[in-house]
Protein backbone atom coordinates (compact mmCIF):
# COMPACT_ATOMS: atom_id res chain seq x y z
CA UNK A 1 0.00 0.00 0.00
CA UNK A 2 1.37 3.40 -1.00
CA UNK A 3 0.71 6.11 1.61
CA UNK A 4 1.02 9.86 0.95
CA UNK A 5 0.69 12.53 3.62
CA UNK A 6 -0.76 16.02 3.57
CA UNK A 7 2.18 18.42 3.78
CA UNK A 8 1.67 21.44 6.03
CA UNK A 9 2.48 24.52 3.91
CA UNK A 10 3.79 26.40 6.96
CA UNK A 11 6.64 24.01 7.73
CA UNK A 12 6.86 21.68 4.72
CA UNK A 13 6.39 18.55 6.87
CA UNK A 14 3.55 16.03 7.11
CA UNK A 15 0.64 17.48 9.08
CA UNK A 16 0.61 14.43 11.39
CA UNK A 17 3.83 15.75 12.98
CA UNK A 18 1.79 18.65 14.40
CA UNK A 19 -0.02 16.02 16.50
CA UNK A 20 3.22 14.18 17.41
CA UNK A 21 2.25 11.14 15.33
CA UNK A 22 4.76 9.24 13.19
CA UNK A 23 4.28 7.60 9.81
CA UNK A 24 4.90 4.18 11.40
CA UNK A 25 2.03 4.71 13.85
CA UNK A 26 -0.32 5.75 11.05
CA UNK A 27 0.65 2.66 9.06
CA UNK A 28 0.01 0.45 12.11
CA UNK A 29 -3.56 1.74 12.35
CA UNK A 30 -4.22 1.62 8.59
CA UNK A 31 -2.93 -1.95 8.27
CA UNK A 32 -4.99 -3.22 11.21
CA UNK A 33 -7.78 -0.79 12.09
CA UNK A 34 -10.20 -1.56 14.88
CA UNK A 35 -12.76 0.48 12.95
CA UNK A 36 -12.79 1.93 9.47
CA UNK A 37 -15.82 3.94 8.41
CA UNK A 38 -16.81 6.67 6.02
CA UNK A 39 -16.23 10.26 7.09
CA UNK A 40 -17.14 13.67 5.72
CA UNK A 41 -16.77 14.70 2.07
CA UNK A 42 -15.63 11.29 0.82
CA UNK A 43 -13.00 10.79 3.52
CA UNK A 44 -12.49 7.66 5.62
CA UNK A 45 -11.86 7.42 9.37
CA UNK A 46 -9.71 4.62 10.75
CA UNK A 47 -9.44 4.12 14.49
CA UNK A 48 -7.02 1.71 16.08
CA UNK A 49 -4.01 1.08 18.22
CA UNK A 50 -0.40 1.46 17.16
CA UNK A 51 2.21 -1.13 18.11
CA UNK A 52 3.41 1.36 20.72
CA UNK A 53 -0.04 1.22 22.33
CA UNK A 54 -1.37 4.64 21.30
CA UNK A 55 -4.99 4.86 20.21
CA UNK A 56 -5.18 6.98 17.06
CA UNK A 57 -7.80 8.38 14.75
CA UNK A 58 -6.58 8.62 11.15
CA UNK A 59 -8.47 10.68 8.56
CA UNK A 60 -7.66 9.71 4.99
CA UNK A 61 -8.99 9.41 1.44
CA UNK A 62 -8.46 6.73 -1.15
CA UNK A 63 -6.10 8.20 -3.74
CA UNK A 64 -6.62 8.02 -7.50
CA UNK A 65 -3.52 5.86 -7.82
CA UNK A 66 -4.57 2.23 -7.21
CA UNK A 67 -3.71 0.89 -3.75
CA UNK A 68 -2.77 4.38 -2.60
CA UNK A 69 -3.96 6.34 0.43
CA UNK A 70 -3.69 10.07 1.14
CA UNK A 71 -3.54 10.74 4.90
CA UNK A 72 -4.97 14.11 5.84
CA UNK A 73 -4.34 13.97 9.58
CA UNK A 74 -3.93 11.64 12.54
CA UNK A 75 -4.19 12.32 16.24
CA UNK A 76 -4.57 10.69 19.64
CA UNK A 77 -7.99 9.34 20.51
CA UNK A 78 -8.66 10.54 24.07
CA UNK A 79 -11.45 11.19 26.54
CA UNK A 80 -15.02 10.22 25.73
CA UNK A 81 -14.28 9.17 22.12
CA UNK A 82 -11.66 6.70 23.41
CA UNK A 83 -14.05 5.33 26.04
CA UNK A 84 -16.76 4.90 23.38
CA UNK A 85 -14.33 3.16 21.00
CA UNK A 86 -13.23 0.72 23.71
CA UNK A 87 -16.87 0.00 24.59
CA UNK A 88 -17.71 -0.71 20.93
CA UNK A 89 -14.65 -2.93 20.65
CA UNK A 90 -15.68 -4.94 23.71
CA UNK A 91 -19.20 -5.41 22.34
CA UNK A 92 -17.78 -6.53 19.00
CA UNK A 93 -15.69 -9.24 20.69
CA UNK A 94 -18.55 -10.31 22.98
CA UNK A 95 -20.67 -11.10 19.90
CA UNK A 96 -17.99 -13.42 18.53
PDB file of N, CA and C in Angstrom:
ATOM      1  N   UNK A   1       0.850  -1.166   0.000  1.00  0.00           N
ATOM      2  CA  UNK A   1       0.000   0.000   0.000  1.00  0.00           C
ATOM      3  C   UNK A   1       0.902   1.236   0.000  1.00  0.00           C
ATOM      4  N   UNK A   2       0.606   2.163  -0.881  1.00  0.00           N
ATOM      5  CA  UNK A   2       1.368   3.398  -1.005  1.00  0.00           C
ATOM      6  C   UNK A   2       0.647   4.492  -0.211  1.00  0.00           C
ATOM      7  N   UNK A   3       1.332   5.105   0.740  1.00  0.00           N
ATOM      8  CA  UNK A   3       0.712   6.114   1.608  1.00  0.00           C
ATOM      9  C   UNK A   3       1.388   7.461   1.379  1.00  0.00           C
ATOM     10  N   UNK A   4       0.562   8.476   1.106  1.00  0.00           N
ATOM     11  CA  UNK A   4       1.019   9.856   0.945  1.00  0.00           C
ATOM     12  C   UNK A   4       0.441  10.666   2.101  1.00  0.00           C
ATOM     13  N   UNK A   5       1.127  11.709   2.495  1.00  0.00           N
ATOM     14  CA  UNK A   5       0.694  12.526   3.619  1.00  0.00           C
ATOM     15  C   UNK A   5       0.483  13.976   3.199  1.00  0.00           C
ATOM     16  N   UNK A   6      -0.545  14.597   3.794  1.00  0.00           N
ATOM     17  CA  UNK A   6      -0.760  16.016   3.574  1.00  0.00           C
ATOM     18  C   UNK A   6       0.433  16.761   4.150  1.00  0.00           C
ATOM     19  N   UNK A   7       1.020  17.636   3.362  1.00  0.00           N
ATOM     20  CA  UNK A   7       2.181  18.419   3.779  1.00  0.00           C
ATOM     21  C   UNK A   7       1.702  19.794   4.237  1.00  0.00           C
ATOM     22  N   UNK A   8       2.038  20.149   5.458  1.00  0.00           N
ATOM     23  CA  UNK A   8       1.670  21.435   6.032  1.00  0.00           C
ATOM     24  C   UNK A   8       2.457  22.533   5.308  1.00  0.00           C
ATOM     25  N   UNK A   9       1.770  23.481   4.668  1.00  0.00           N
ATOM     26  CA  UNK A   9       2.477  24.518   3.910  1.00  0.00           C
ATOM     27  C   UNK A   9       3.331  25.441   4.790  1.00  0.00           C
ATOM     28  N   UNK A  10       3.033  25.517   6.075  1.00  0.00           N
ATOM     29  CA  UNK A  10       3.794  26.403   6.965  1.00  0.00           C
ATOM     30  C   UNK A  10       5.195  25.874   7.261  1.00  0.00           C
ATOM     31  N   UNK A  11       5.324  24.537   7.357  1.00  0.00           N
ATOM     32  CA  UNK A  11       6.636  24.007   7.726  1.00  0.00           C
ATOM     33  C   UNK A  11       7.181  22.967   6.746  1.00  0.00           C
ATOM     34  N   UNK A  12       6.400  22.613   5.738  1.00  0.00           N
ATOM     35  CA  UNK A  12       6.861  21.679   4.722  1.00  0.00           C
ATOM     36  C   UNK A  12       6.967  20.230   5.186  1.00  0.00           C
ATOM     37  N   UNK A  13       6.363  19.912   6.343  1.00  0.00           N
ATOM     38  CA  UNK A  13       6.388  18.552   6.869  1.00  0.00           C
ATOM     39  C   UNK A  13       4.984  17.969   6.913  1.00  0.00           C
ATOM     40  N   UNK A  14       4.884  16.632   7.005  1.00  0.00           N
ATOM     41  CA  UNK A  14       3.549  16.025   7.109  1.00  0.00           C
ATOM     42  C   UNK A  14       2.767  16.617   8.291  1.00  0.00           C
ATOM     43  N   UNK A  15       1.492  16.868   8.062  1.00  0.00           N
ATOM     44  CA  UNK A  15       0.635  17.481   9.084  1.00  0.00           C
ATOM     45  C   UNK A  15       0.555  16.625  10.348  1.00  0.00           C
ATOM     46  N   UNK A  16       0.698  15.314  10.222  1.00  0.00           N
ATOM     47  CA  UNK A  16       0.611  14.435  11.391  1.00  0.00           C
ATOM     48  C   UNK A  16       1.666  14.786  12.436  1.00  0.00           C
ATOM     49  N   UNK A  17       2.780  15.364  12.031  1.00  0.00           N
ATOM     50  CA  UNK A  17       3.830  15.753  12.980  1.00  0.00           C
ATOM     51  C   UNK A  17       3.321  16.798  13.969  1.00  0.00           C
ATOM     52  N   UNK A  18       2.382  17.632  13.527  1.00  0.00           N
ATOM     53  CA  UNK A  18       1.787  18.645  14.398  1.00  0.00           C
ATOM     54  C   UNK A  18       1.144  17.993  15.616  1.00  0.00           C
ATOM     55  N   UNK A  19       0.641  16.756  15.422  1.00  0.00           N
ATOM     56  CA  UNK A  19      -0.024  16.020  16.495  1.00  0.00           C
ATOM     57  C   UNK A  19       0.903  14.993  17.147  1.00  0.00           C
ATOM     58  N   UNK A  20       2.196  15.083  16.843  1.00  0.00           N
ATOM     59  CA  UNK A  20       3.218  14.185  17.408  1.00  0.00           C
ATOM     60  C   UNK A  20       2.935  12.723  17.077  1.00  0.00           C
ATOM     61  N   UNK A  21       2.524  12.482  15.829  1.00  0.00           N
ATOM     62  CA  UNK A  21       2.250  11.139  15.334  1.00  0.00           C
ATOM     63  C   UNK A  21       3.256  10.838  14.229  1.00  0.00           C
ATOM     64  N   UNK A  22       3.779   9.623  14.213  1.00  0.00           N
ATOM     65  CA  UNK A  22       4.758   9.236  13.187  1.00  0.00           C
ATOM     66  C   UNK A  22       4.080   8.467  12.054  1.00  0.00           C
ATOM     67  N   UNK A  23       4.792   8.371  10.939  1.00  0.00           N
ATOM     68  CA  UNK A  23       4.281   7.597   9.807  1.00  0.00           C
ATOM     69  C   UNK A  23       4.100   6.130  10.184  1.00  0.00           C
ATOM     70  N   UNK A  24       5.011   5.581  10.982  1.00  0.00           N
ATOM     71  CA  UNK A  24       4.895   4.181  11.397  1.00  0.00           C
ATOM     72  C   UNK A  24       3.620   3.931  12.190  1.00  0.00           C
ATOM     73  N   UNK A  25       3.259   4.864  13.065  1.00  0.00           N
ATOM     74  CA  UNK A  25       2.032   4.714  13.851  1.00  0.00           C
ATOM     75  C   UNK A  25       0.797   4.763  12.964  1.00  0.00           C
ATOM     76  N   UNK A  26       0.802   5.664  11.988  1.00  0.00           N
ATOM     77  CA  UNK A  26      -0.321   5.748  11.048  1.00  0.00           C
ATOM     78  C   UNK A  26      -0.442   4.441  10.273  1.00  0.00           C
ATOM     79  N   UNK A  27       0.665   3.915   9.803  1.00  0.00           N
ATOM     80  CA  UNK A  27       0.645   2.659   9.058  1.00  0.00           C
ATOM     81  C   UNK A  27       0.144   1.506   9.920  1.00  0.00           C
ATOM     82  N   UNK A  28       0.513   1.482  11.205  1.00  0.00           N
ATOM     83  CA  UNK A  28       0.005   0.450  12.115  1.00  0.00           C
ATOM     84  C   UNK A  28      -1.521   0.442  12.127  1.00  0.00           C
ATOM     85  N   UNK A  29      -2.101   1.628  12.268  1.00  0.00           N
ATOM     86  CA  UNK A  29      -3.560   1.738  12.348  1.00  0.00           C
ATOM     87  C   UNK A  29      -4.204   1.402  11.006  1.00  0.00           C
ATOM     88  N   UNK A  30      -3.624   1.880   9.906  1.00  0.00           N
ATOM     89  CA  UNK A  30      -4.219   1.624   8.594  1.00  0.00           C
ATOM     90  C   UNK A  30      -4.135   0.142   8.196  1.00  0.00           C
ATOM     91  N   UNK A  31      -3.079  -0.534   8.616  1.00  0.00           N
ATOM     92  CA  UNK A  31      -2.935  -1.946   8.265  1.00  0.00           C
ATOM     93  C   UNK A  31      -3.822  -2.849   9.102  1.00  0.00           C
ATOM     94  N   UNK A  32      -4.146  -2.409  10.323  1.00  0.00           N
ATOM     95  CA  UNK A  32      -4.986  -3.221  11.207  1.00  0.00           C
ATOM     96  C   UNK A  32      -5.908  -2.321  12.023  1.00  0.00           C
ATOM     97  N   UNK A  33      -6.891  -1.694  11.354  1.00  0.00           N
ATOM     98  CA  UNK A  33      -7.780  -0.793  12.092  1.00  0.00           C
ATOM     99  C   UNK A  33      -8.791  -1.566  12.932  1.00  0.00           C
ATOM    100  N   UNK A  34      -9.116  -0.997  14.083  1.00  0.00           N
ATOM    101  CA  UNK A  34     -10.200  -1.556  14.884  1.00  0.00           C
ATOM    102  C   UNK A  34     -11.533  -1.192  14.261  1.00  0.00           C
ATOM    103  N   UNK A  35     -11.586  -0.004  13.687  1.00  0.00           N
ATOM    104  CA  UNK A  35     -12.761   0.482  12.952  1.00  0.00           C
ATOM    105  C   UNK A  35     -12.287   1.232  11.724  1.00  0.00           C
ATOM    106  N   UNK A  36     -13.059   1.160  10.680  1.00  0.00           N
ATOM    107  CA  UNK A  36     -12.785   1.934   9.467  1.00  0.00           C
ATOM    108  C   UNK A  36     -14.135   2.259   8.860  1.00  0.00           C
ATOM    109  N   UNK A  37     -14.496   3.530   8.881  1.00  0.00           N
ATOM    110  CA  UNK A  37     -15.820   3.936   8.412  1.00  0.00           C
ATOM    111  C   UNK A  37     -15.714   5.171   7.534  1.00  0.00           C
ATOM    112  N   UNK A  38     -16.813   5.483   6.871  1.00  0.00           N
ATOM    113  CA  UNK A  38     -16.808   6.669   6.023  1.00  0.00           C
ATOM    114  C   UNK A  38     -16.885   7.923   6.890  1.00  0.00           C
ATOM    115  N   UNK A  39     -16.251   8.983   6.397  1.00  0.00           N
ATOM    116  CA  UNK A  39     -16.232  10.262   7.095  1.00  0.00           C
ATOM    117  C   UNK A  39     -16.924  11.320   6.248  1.00  0.00           C
ATOM    118  N   UNK A  40     -16.544  12.554   6.444  1.00  0.00           N
ATOM    119  CA  UNK A  40     -17.142  13.669   5.715  1.00  0.00           C
ATOM    120  C   UNK A  40     -16.487  13.851   4.352  1.00  0.00           C
ATOM    121  N   UNK A  41     -17.262  14.313   3.398  1.00  0.00           N
ATOM    122  CA  UNK A  41     -16.769  14.704   2.074  1.00  0.00           C
ATOM    123  C   UNK A  41     -15.915  13.627   1.400  1.00  0.00           C
ATOM    124  N   UNK A  42     -16.322  12.376   1.503  1.00  0.00           N
ATOM    125  CA  UNK A  42     -15.630  11.290   0.824  1.00  0.00           C
ATOM    126  C   UNK A  42     -14.405  10.767   1.557  1.00  0.00           C
ATOM    127  N   UNK A  43     -14.163  11.269   2.760  1.00  0.00           N
ATOM    128  CA  UNK A  43     -13.003  10.785   3.516  1.00  0.00           C
ATOM    129  C   UNK A  43     -13.347   9.490   4.239  1.00  0.00           C
ATOM    130  N   UNK A  44     -12.340   8.866   4.813  1.00  0.00           N
ATOM    131  CA  UNK A  44     -12.488   7.664   5.622  1.00  0.00           C
ATOM    132  C   UNK A  44     -11.868   7.952   6.981  1.00  0.00           C
ATOM    133  N   UNK A  45     -12.369   7.259   8.012  1.00  0.00           N
ATOM    134  CA  UNK A  45     -11.855   7.418   9.371  1.00  0.00           C
ATOM    135  C   UNK A  45     -11.468   6.037   9.883  1.00  0.00           C
ATOM    136  N   UNK A  46     -10.194   5.871  10.176  1.00  0.00           N
ATOM    137  CA  UNK A  46      -9.707   4.622  10.754  1.00  0.00           C
ATOM    138  C   UNK A  46      -9.323   4.903  12.206  1.00  0.00           C
ATOM    139  N   UNK A  47      -9.778   4.013  13.081  1.00  0.00           N
ATOM    140  CA  UNK A  47      -9.435   4.119  14.492  1.00  0.00           C
ATOM    141  C   UNK A  47      -8.780   2.812  14.899  1.00  0.00           C
ATOM    142  N   UNK A  48      -7.695   2.917  15.638  1.00  0.00           N
ATOM    143  CA  UNK A  48      -7.019   1.712  16.084  1.00  0.00           C
ATOM    144  C   UNK A  48      -5.855   2.026  16.978  1.00  0.00           C
ATOM    145  N   UNK A  49      -5.125   0.963  17.300  1.00  0.00           N
ATOM    146  CA  UNK A  49      -4.008   1.079  18.225  1.00  0.00           C
ATOM    147  C   UNK A  49      -2.704   0.818  17.488  1.00  0.00           C
ATOM    148  N   UNK A  50      -1.722   1.661  17.751  1.00  0.00           N
ATOM    149  CA  UNK A  50      -0.401   1.461  17.161  1.00  0.00           C
ATOM    150  C   UNK A  50       0.324   0.371  17.944  1.00  0.00           C
ATOM    151  N   UNK A  51       1.420  -0.119  17.394  1.00  0.00           N
ATOM    152  CA  UNK A  51       2.211  -1.128  18.107  1.00  0.00           C
ATOM    153  C   UNK A  51       2.749  -0.583  19.425  1.00  0.00           C
ATOM    154  N   UNK A  52       2.920   0.727  19.489  1.00  0.00           N
ATOM    155  CA  UNK A  52       3.406   1.359  20.716  1.00  0.00           C
ATOM    156  C   UNK A  52       2.309   1.495  21.772  1.00  0.00           C
ATOM    157  N   UNK A  53       1.063   1.179  21.387  1.00  0.00           N
ATOM    158  CA  UNK A  53      -0.042   1.218  22.334  1.00  0.00           C
ATOM    159  C   UNK A  53      -0.910   2.456  22.279  1.00  0.00           C
ATOM    160  N   UNK A  54      -0.568   3.422  21.420  1.00  0.00           N
ATOM    161  CA  UNK A  54      -1.374   4.636  21.298  1.00  0.00           C
ATOM    162  C   UNK A  54      -2.640   4.349  20.504  1.00  0.00           C
ATOM    163  N   UNK A  55      -3.745   4.921  20.967  1.00  0.00           N
ATOM    164  CA  UNK A  55      -4.992   4.857  20.206  1.00  0.00           C
ATOM    165  C   UNK A  55      -5.039   6.097  19.329  1.00  0.00           C
ATOM    166  N   UNK A  56      -5.196   5.878  18.015  1.00  0.00           N
ATOM    167  CA  UNK A  56      -5.177   6.984  17.060  1.00  0.00           C
ATOM    168  C   UNK A  56      -6.425   6.994  16.194  1.00  0.00           C
ATOM    169  N   UNK A  57      -6.764   8.181  15.750  1.00  0.00           N
ATOM    170  CA  UNK A  57      -7.804   8.382  14.752  1.00  0.00           C
ATOM    171  C   UNK A  57      -7.100   8.925  13.520  1.00  0.00           C
ATOM    172  N   UNK A  58      -7.241   8.242  12.392  1.00  0.00           N
ATOM    173  CA  UNK A  58      -6.577   8.617  11.147  1.00  0.00           C
ATOM    174  C   UNK A  58      -7.646   8.996  10.127  1.00  0.00           C
ATOM    175  N   UNK A  59      -7.550  10.204   9.594  1.00  0.00           N
ATOM    176  CA  UNK A  59      -8.468  10.683   8.564  1.00  0.00           C
ATOM    177  C   UNK A  59      -7.733  10.594   7.238  1.00  0.00           C
ATOM    178  N   UNK A  60      -8.341   9.907   6.270  1.00  0.00           N
ATOM    179  CA  UNK A  60      -7.664   9.711   4.985  1.00  0.00           C
ATOM    180  C   UNK A  60      -8.678   9.609   3.850  1.00  0.00           C
ATOM    181  N   UNK A  61      -8.166   9.652   2.632  1.00  0.00           N
ATOM    182  CA  UNK A  61      -8.985   9.412   1.439  1.00  0.00           C
ATOM    183  C   UNK A  61      -8.253   8.392   0.567  1.00  0.00           C
ATOM    184  N   UNK A  62      -9.039   7.645  -0.173  1.00  0.00           N
ATOM    185  CA  UNK A  62      -8.464   6.727  -1.152  1.00  0.00           C
ATOM    186  C   UNK A  62      -7.966   7.573  -2.307  1.00  0.00           C
ATOM    187  N   UNK A  63      -6.720   7.404  -2.678  1.00  0.00           N
ATOM    188  CA  UNK A  63      -6.104   8.200  -3.736  1.00  0.00           C
ATOM    189  C   UNK A  63      -6.484   7.646  -5.100  1.00  0.00           C
ATOM    190  N   UNK A  64      -6.315   8.445  -6.136  1.00  0.00           N
ATOM    191  CA  UNK A  64      -6.615   8.021  -7.496  1.00  0.00           C
ATOM    192  C   UNK A  64      -5.708   6.887  -7.948  1.00  0.00           C
ATOM    193  N   UNK A  65      -4.470   6.908  -7.490  1.00  0.00           N
ATOM    194  CA  UNK A  65      -3.519   5.857  -7.822  1.00  0.00           C
ATOM    195  C   UNK A  65      -3.976   4.572  -7.126  1.00  0.00           C
ATOM    196  N   UNK A  66      -4.101   3.469  -7.841  1.00  0.00           N
ATOM    197  CA  UNK A  66      -4.567   2.230  -7.212  1.00  0.00           C
ATOM    198  C   UNK A  66      -3.698   1.842  -6.010  1.00  0.00           C
ATOM    199  N   UNK A  67      -4.368   1.328  -4.988  1.00  0.00           N
ATOM    200  CA  UNK A  67      -3.708   0.892  -3.754  1.00  0.00           C
ATOM    201  C   UNK A  67      -2.900   2.015  -3.111  1.00  0.00           C
ATOM    202  N   UNK A  68      -3.445   3.220  -3.152  1.00  0.00           N
ATOM    203  CA  UNK A  68      -2.770   4.375  -2.602  1.00  0.00           C
ATOM    204  C   UNK A  68      -3.723   5.118  -1.666  1.00  0.00           C
ATOM    205  N   UNK A  69      -3.171   5.625  -0.574  1.00  0.00           N
ATOM    206  CA  UNK A  69      -3.958   6.339   0.428  1.00  0.00           C
ATOM    207  C   UNK A  69      -3.312   7.695   0.675  1.00  0.00           C
ATOM    208  N   UNK A  70      -4.152   8.727   0.820  1.00  0.00           N
ATOM    209  CA  UNK A  70      -3.691  10.069   1.136  1.00  0.00           C
ATOM    210  C   UNK A  70      -4.156  10.391   2.552  1.00  0.00           C
ATOM    211  N   UNK A  71      -3.221  10.469   3.500  1.00  0.00           N
ATOM    212  CA  UNK A  71      -3.538  10.737   4.898  1.00  0.00           C
ATOM    213  C   UNK A  71      -3.611  12.248   5.103  1.00  0.00           C
ATOM    214  N   UNK A  72      -4.754  12.687   5.584  1.00  0.00           N
ATOM    215  CA  UNK A  72      -4.965  14.106   5.840  1.00  0.00           C
ATOM    216  C   UNK A  72      -4.412  14.476   7.213  1.00  0.00           C
ATOM    217  N   UNK A  73      -4.813  13.718   8.234  1.00  0.00           N
ATOM    218  CA  UNK A  73      -4.338  13.973   9.584  1.00  0.00           C
ATOM    219  C   UNK A  73      -4.472  12.716  10.429  1.00  0.00           C
ATOM    220  N   UNK A  74      -3.824  12.721  11.557  1.00  0.00           N
ATOM    221  CA  UNK A  74      -3.934  11.643  12.544  1.00  0.00           C
ATOM    222  C   UNK A  74      -3.638  12.240  13.907  1.00  0.00           C
ATOM    223  N   UNK A  75      -4.373  11.784  14.904  1.00  0.00           N
ATOM    224  CA  UNK A  75      -4.188  12.325  16.243  1.00  0.00           C
ATOM    225  C   UNK A  75      -4.629  11.314  17.286  1.00  0.00           C
ATOM    226  N   UNK A  76      -4.219  11.577  18.536  1.00  0.00           N
ATOM    227  CA  UNK A  76      -4.574  10.688  19.639  1.00  0.00           C
ATOM    228  C   UNK A  76      -6.082  10.676  19.857  1.00  0.00           C
ATOM    229  N   UNK A  77      -6.595   9.498  20.127  1.00  0.00           N
ATOM    230  CA  UNK A  77      -7.990   9.339  20.514  1.00  0.00           C
ATOM    231  C   UNK A  77      -7.997   9.375  22.043  1.00  0.00           C
ATOM    232  N   UNK A  78      -8.671  10.359  22.621  1.00  0.00           N
ATOM    233  CA  UNK A  78      -8.656  10.537  24.074  1.00  0.00           C
ATOM    234  C   UNK A  78     -10.061  10.821  24.587  1.00  0.00           C
ATOM    235  N   UNK A  79     -10.204  10.795  25.897  1.00  0.00           N
ATOM    236  CA  UNK A  79     -11.450  11.193  26.537  1.00  0.00           C
ATOM    237  C   UNK A  79     -12.630  10.313  26.170  1.00  0.00           C
ATOM    238  N   UNK A  80     -13.780  10.958  26.016  1.00  0.00           N
ATOM    239  CA  UNK A  80     -15.017  10.224  25.731  1.00  0.00           C
ATOM    240  C   UNK A  80     -14.965   9.443  24.428  1.00  0.00           C
ATOM    241  N   UNK A  81     -14.363   9.975  23.347  1.00  0.00           N
ATOM    242  CA  UNK A  81     -14.281   9.174  22.120  1.00  0.00           C
ATOM    243  C   UNK A  81     -13.487   7.875  22.319  1.00  0.00           C
ATOM    244  N   UNK A  82     -12.439   7.918  23.130  1.00  0.00           N
ATOM    245  CA  UNK A  82     -11.664   6.705  23.406  1.00  0.00           C
ATOM    246  C   UNK A  82     -12.495   5.716  24.222  1.00  0.00           C
ATOM    247  N   UNK A  83     -13.193   6.201  25.224  1.00  0.00           N
ATOM    248  CA  UNK A  83     -14.048   5.333  26.038  1.00  0.00           C
ATOM    249  C   UNK A  83     -15.107   4.673  25.163  1.00  0.00           C
ATOM    250  N   UNK A  84     -15.732   5.446  24.270  1.00  0.00           N
ATOM    251  CA  UNK A  84     -16.762   4.900  23.383  1.00  0.00           C
ATOM    252  C   UNK A  84     -16.176   3.856  22.435  1.00  0.00           C
ATOM    253  N   UNK A  85     -14.985   4.117  21.899  1.00  0.00           N
ATOM    254  CA  UNK A  85     -14.332   3.156  21.002  1.00  0.00           C
ATOM    255  C   UNK A  85     -14.051   1.849  21.728  1.00  0.00           C
ATOM    256  N   UNK A  86     -13.517   1.927  22.947  1.00  0.00           N
ATOM    257  CA  UNK A  86     -13.226   0.717  23.713  1.00  0.00           C
ATOM    258  C   UNK A  86     -14.505  -0.055  24.030  1.00  0.00           C
ATOM    259  N   UNK A  87     -15.586   0.661  24.321  1.00  0.00           N
ATOM    260  CA  UNK A  87     -16.869   0.005  24.589  1.00  0.00           C
ATOM    261  C   UNK A  87     -17.373  -0.721  23.344  1.00  0.00           C
ATOM    262  N   UNK A  88     -17.282  -0.059  22.183  1.00  0.00           N
ATOM    263  CA  UNK A  88     -17.714  -0.706  20.928  1.00  0.00           C
ATOM    264  C   UNK A  88     -16.851  -1.919  20.626  1.00  0.00           C
ATOM    265  N   UNK A  89     -15.561  -1.811  20.900  1.00  0.00           N
ATOM    266  CA  UNK A  89     -14.654  -2.934  20.648  1.00  0.00           C
ATOM    267  C   UNK A  89     -14.992  -4.122  21.533  1.00  0.00           C
ATOM    268  N   UNK A  90     -15.294  -3.861  22.796  1.00  0.00           N
ATOM    269  CA  UNK A  90     -15.680  -4.944  23.709  1.00  0.00           C
ATOM    270  C   UNK A  90     -16.940  -5.630  23.229  1.00  0.00           C
ATOM    271  N   UNK A  91     -17.935  -4.840  22.821  1.00  0.00           N
ATOM    272  CA  UNK A  91     -19.198  -5.408  22.343  1.00  0.00           C
ATOM    273  C   UNK A  91     -18.980  -6.253  21.103  1.00  0.00           C
ATOM    274  N   UNK A  92     -18.079  -5.796  20.235  1.00  0.00           N
ATOM    275  CA  UNK A  92     -17.783  -6.530  19.003  1.00  0.00           C
ATOM    276  C   UNK A  92     -17.220  -7.908  19.343  1.00  0.00           C
ATOM    277  N   UNK A  93     -16.314  -7.969  20.319  1.00  0.00           N
ATOM    278  CA  UNK A  93     -15.693  -9.241  20.688  1.00  0.00           C
ATOM    279  C   UNK A  93     -16.638 -10.124  21.496  1.00  0.00           C
ATOM    280  N   UNK A  94     -17.578  -9.516  22.228  1.00  0.00           N
ATOM    281  CA  UNK A  94     -18.550 -10.313  22.975  1.00  0.00           C
ATOM    282  C   UNK A  94     -19.485 -11.045  22.033  1.00  0.00           C
ATOM    283  N   UNK A  95     -19.764 -10.473  20.865  1.00  0.00           N
ATOM    284  CA  UNK A  95     -20.666 -11.104  19.896  1.00  0.00           C
ATOM    285  C   UNK A  95     -20.012 -12.299  19.221  1.00  0.00           C
ATOM    286  N   UNK A  96     -18.696 -12.338  19.209  1.00  0.00           N
ATOM    287  CA  UNK A  96     -17.986 -13.415  18.525  1.00  0.00           C
ATOM    288  C   UNK A  96     -18.098 -14.714  19.265  1.00  0.00           C
TER     289      UNK A  96
END
